[in-house]
N, C-alpha and C. Protein backbone atom coordinates (compact mmCIF):
# COMPACT_ATOMS: atom_id res chain seq x y z
N MET A 1 249.91 232.29 144.49
CA MET A 1 248.46 232.45 144.55
C MET A 1 247.94 230.96 144.65
N ASP A 2 247.25 230.80 145.74
CA ASP A 2 246.58 229.39 145.73
C ASP A 2 245.26 229.30 145.11
N LEU A 3 244.85 227.96 145.07
CA LEU A 3 243.94 227.77 144.16
C LEU A 3 242.59 228.46 144.44
N CYS A 4 242.30 228.51 145.70
CA CYS A 4 240.98 229.16 146.19
C CYS A 4 241.04 230.80 145.60
N HIS A 5 242.30 231.36 145.54
CA HIS A 5 242.15 233.13 145.22
C HIS A 5 242.31 232.68 143.63
N LEU A 6 243.20 232.01 142.89
CA LEU A 6 242.80 231.81 141.76
C LEU A 6 241.38 231.62 141.04
N THR A 7 240.95 230.75 141.99
CA THR A 7 239.49 230.36 141.20
C THR A 7 238.56 231.71 141.57
N GLU A 8 238.71 232.39 142.68
CA GLU A 8 237.83 233.76 142.83
C GLU A 8 238.36 234.73 141.78
N ALA A 9 239.54 234.98 141.45
CA ALA A 9 240.12 235.82 140.36
C ALA A 9 239.10 235.48 138.91
N TYR A 10 238.49 234.58 138.46
CA TYR A 10 238.09 233.98 137.42
C TYR A 10 236.34 234.37 137.68
N GLY A 11 235.85 234.59 138.92
CA GLY A 11 234.81 234.89 139.46
C GLY A 11 233.84 233.82 140.00
N PHE A 12 234.64 233.05 140.25
CA PHE A 12 233.89 231.95 141.18
C PHE A 12 233.59 232.70 142.70
N VAL A 13 232.55 231.96 143.42
CA VAL A 13 232.34 232.42 144.43
C VAL A 13 232.32 231.40 145.53
N TRP A 14 232.71 231.47 146.85
CA TRP A 14 232.20 230.39 147.81
C TRP A 14 231.02 230.45 148.32
N LEU A 15 230.51 229.13 147.91
CA LEU A 15 229.31 228.81 148.23
C LEU A 15 228.99 228.03 149.79
N HIS A 16 229.79 227.30 150.09
CA HIS A 16 229.73 226.71 151.43
C HIS A 16 230.64 225.59 151.21
N GLY A 17 230.86 225.06 152.45
CA GLY A 17 231.95 223.99 152.84
C GLY A 17 232.05 223.76 154.42
N GLU A 18 232.52 222.29 154.54
CA GLU A 18 232.14 221.90 155.83
C GLU A 18 233.72 221.53 156.20
N GLY A 19 234.60 221.91 157.15
CA GLY A 19 235.94 221.41 157.26
C GLY A 19 236.80 221.93 156.51
N SER A 20 237.56 221.23 155.77
CA SER A 20 238.52 221.88 155.09
C SER A 20 238.08 221.87 153.32
N GLN A 21 236.99 221.59 153.53
CA GLN A 21 236.05 221.37 152.21
C GLN A 21 235.49 222.26 151.61
N ARG A 22 235.76 223.10 150.56
CA ARG A 22 235.49 224.46 149.79
C ARG A 22 234.52 224.47 148.45
N VAL A 23 233.69 224.94 148.63
CA VAL A 23 232.56 224.31 147.31
C VAL A 23 232.39 225.80 146.64
N TYR A 24 232.48 225.77 145.39
CA TYR A 24 232.68 227.29 144.55
C TYR A 24 231.70 227.06 143.34
N GLY A 25 231.33 228.17 142.95
CA GLY A 25 230.19 227.99 141.76
C GLY A 25 230.12 229.58 141.10
N ARG A 26 229.63 229.43 139.84
CA ARG A 26 229.87 231.03 139.14
C ARG A 26 228.51 231.22 138.52
N ALA A 27 227.77 232.35 138.34
CA ALA A 27 226.69 232.35 137.59
C ALA A 27 227.04 232.20 136.17
N ASN A 28 226.13 231.26 135.42
CA ASN A 28 226.58 230.74 133.93
C ASN A 28 227.18 229.75 133.95
N VAL A 29 227.89 229.30 135.18
CA VAL A 29 228.69 228.03 134.93
C VAL A 29 227.98 226.86 135.72
N ARG A 30 227.48 225.49 134.72
CA ARG A 30 226.82 224.86 135.45
C ARG A 30 227.35 223.91 136.75
N GLU A 31 228.55 223.60 136.26
CA GLU A 31 229.45 222.91 137.40
C GLU A 31 229.77 223.47 138.51
N VAL A 32 229.97 223.06 139.86
CA VAL A 32 230.44 223.33 140.88
C VAL A 32 231.98 223.01 140.77
N LEU A 33 232.68 223.67 141.84
CA LEU A 33 234.20 222.93 142.06
C LEU A 33 234.22 223.11 143.56
N VAL A 34 234.62 221.41 144.05
CA VAL A 34 235.10 221.37 145.23
C VAL A 34 236.16 220.75 145.44
N PHE A 35 236.87 221.87 146.34
CA PHE A 35 238.26 221.69 146.64
C PHE A 35 238.39 221.14 148.04
N GLN A 36 239.55 220.40 148.54
CA GLN A 36 239.89 219.90 149.38
C GLN A 36 241.33 220.13 149.73
N PRO A 37 241.99 220.32 150.60
CA PRO A 37 243.61 220.38 150.70
C PRO A 37 243.80 218.53 150.26
N GLY A 38 245.18 218.71 149.33
CA GLY A 38 246.14 217.50 149.80
C GLY A 38 247.13 217.49 150.82
N LYS A 39 247.90 216.59 150.30
CA LYS A 39 249.41 216.80 151.17
C LYS A 39 249.95 218.39 151.17
N ASN A 40 250.58 218.26 152.61
CA ASN A 40 250.82 219.61 152.75
C ASN A 40 250.21 220.82 152.55
N GLY A 41 248.66 220.90 152.40
CA GLY A 41 248.20 221.95 152.07
C GLY A 41 247.93 222.29 150.75
N GLN A 42 248.69 221.53 149.81
CA GLN A 42 248.46 221.96 148.24
C GLN A 42 247.30 221.55 147.71
N ALA A 43 247.01 222.04 146.67
CA ALA A 43 245.92 221.37 145.85
C ALA A 43 246.18 220.12 145.09
N LYS A 44 245.41 219.24 144.81
CA LYS A 44 245.53 218.23 144.03
C LYS A 44 245.35 218.40 142.75
N PRO A 45 246.25 217.72 142.01
CA PRO A 45 246.50 218.06 140.91
C PRO A 45 245.17 218.00 139.73
N TYR A 46 244.03 216.89 140.36
CA TYR A 46 242.84 217.00 139.47
C TYR A 46 242.12 217.98 139.55
N GLN A 47 241.98 218.60 140.77
CA GLN A 47 240.99 219.61 140.92
C GLN A 47 241.72 221.15 140.21
N VAL A 48 243.13 221.58 140.14
CA VAL A 48 243.69 222.38 139.21
C VAL A 48 243.41 221.93 137.70
N LYS A 49 243.05 220.94 137.44
CA LYS A 49 242.66 220.32 135.92
C LYS A 49 241.47 220.83 135.70
N GLN A 50 240.52 220.35 136.80
CA GLN A 50 239.11 220.84 136.74
C GLN A 50 238.60 222.39 136.57
N LEU A 51 239.64 223.16 137.28
CA LEU A 51 239.44 224.74 137.26
C LEU A 51 239.85 225.09 135.76
N LEU A 52 241.01 224.32 135.22
CA LEU A 52 241.47 224.85 133.88
C LEU A 52 240.59 224.59 132.79
N ILE A 53 239.99 223.25 132.96
CA ILE A 53 238.73 222.99 131.94
C ILE A 53 237.53 223.87 131.69
N LEU A 54 237.40 224.55 133.14
CA LEU A 54 236.04 225.39 133.20
C LEU A 54 236.51 226.45 132.35
N ILE A 55 237.78 226.97 132.86
CA ILE A 55 237.88 228.40 132.33
C ILE A 55 238.09 228.28 130.74
N GLU A 56 238.82 227.24 130.08
CA GLU A 56 238.49 226.95 128.79
C GLU A 56 237.13 227.00 128.17
N ARG A 57 236.35 225.67 128.76
CA ARG A 57 235.17 225.46 128.42
C ARG A 57 234.21 226.65 128.32
N TYR A 58 234.19 227.43 128.84
CA TYR A 58 233.59 228.68 129.06
C TYR A 58 234.06 230.24 128.71
N ARG A 59 235.31 229.92 128.44
CA ARG A 59 236.12 231.09 128.09
C ARG A 59 236.46 232.30 129.15
N LEU A 60 236.49 231.82 130.16
CA LEU A 60 236.67 232.83 131.64
C LEU A 60 237.80 233.66 131.29
N GLU A 61 237.78 234.68 132.14
CA GLU A 61 238.75 235.74 132.08
C GLU A 61 238.87 236.10 133.47
N ALA A 62 240.28 236.41 133.87
CA ALA A 62 240.48 236.80 135.33
C ALA A 62 240.41 238.60 135.24
């Protein structure tokens, strides 16, 4: 499962994006997530960490 699908599984929705950049948000979560593919189209480690922090901080469930 790629990072965008995982993000959507936790209730985030795609807000907008230009080119390869994708911005996700969720009701009741003040932060937004901004993803850009890294090498070979894989998620960058800091982007995965940002998602995990928000899941833990807001006690989100998939």
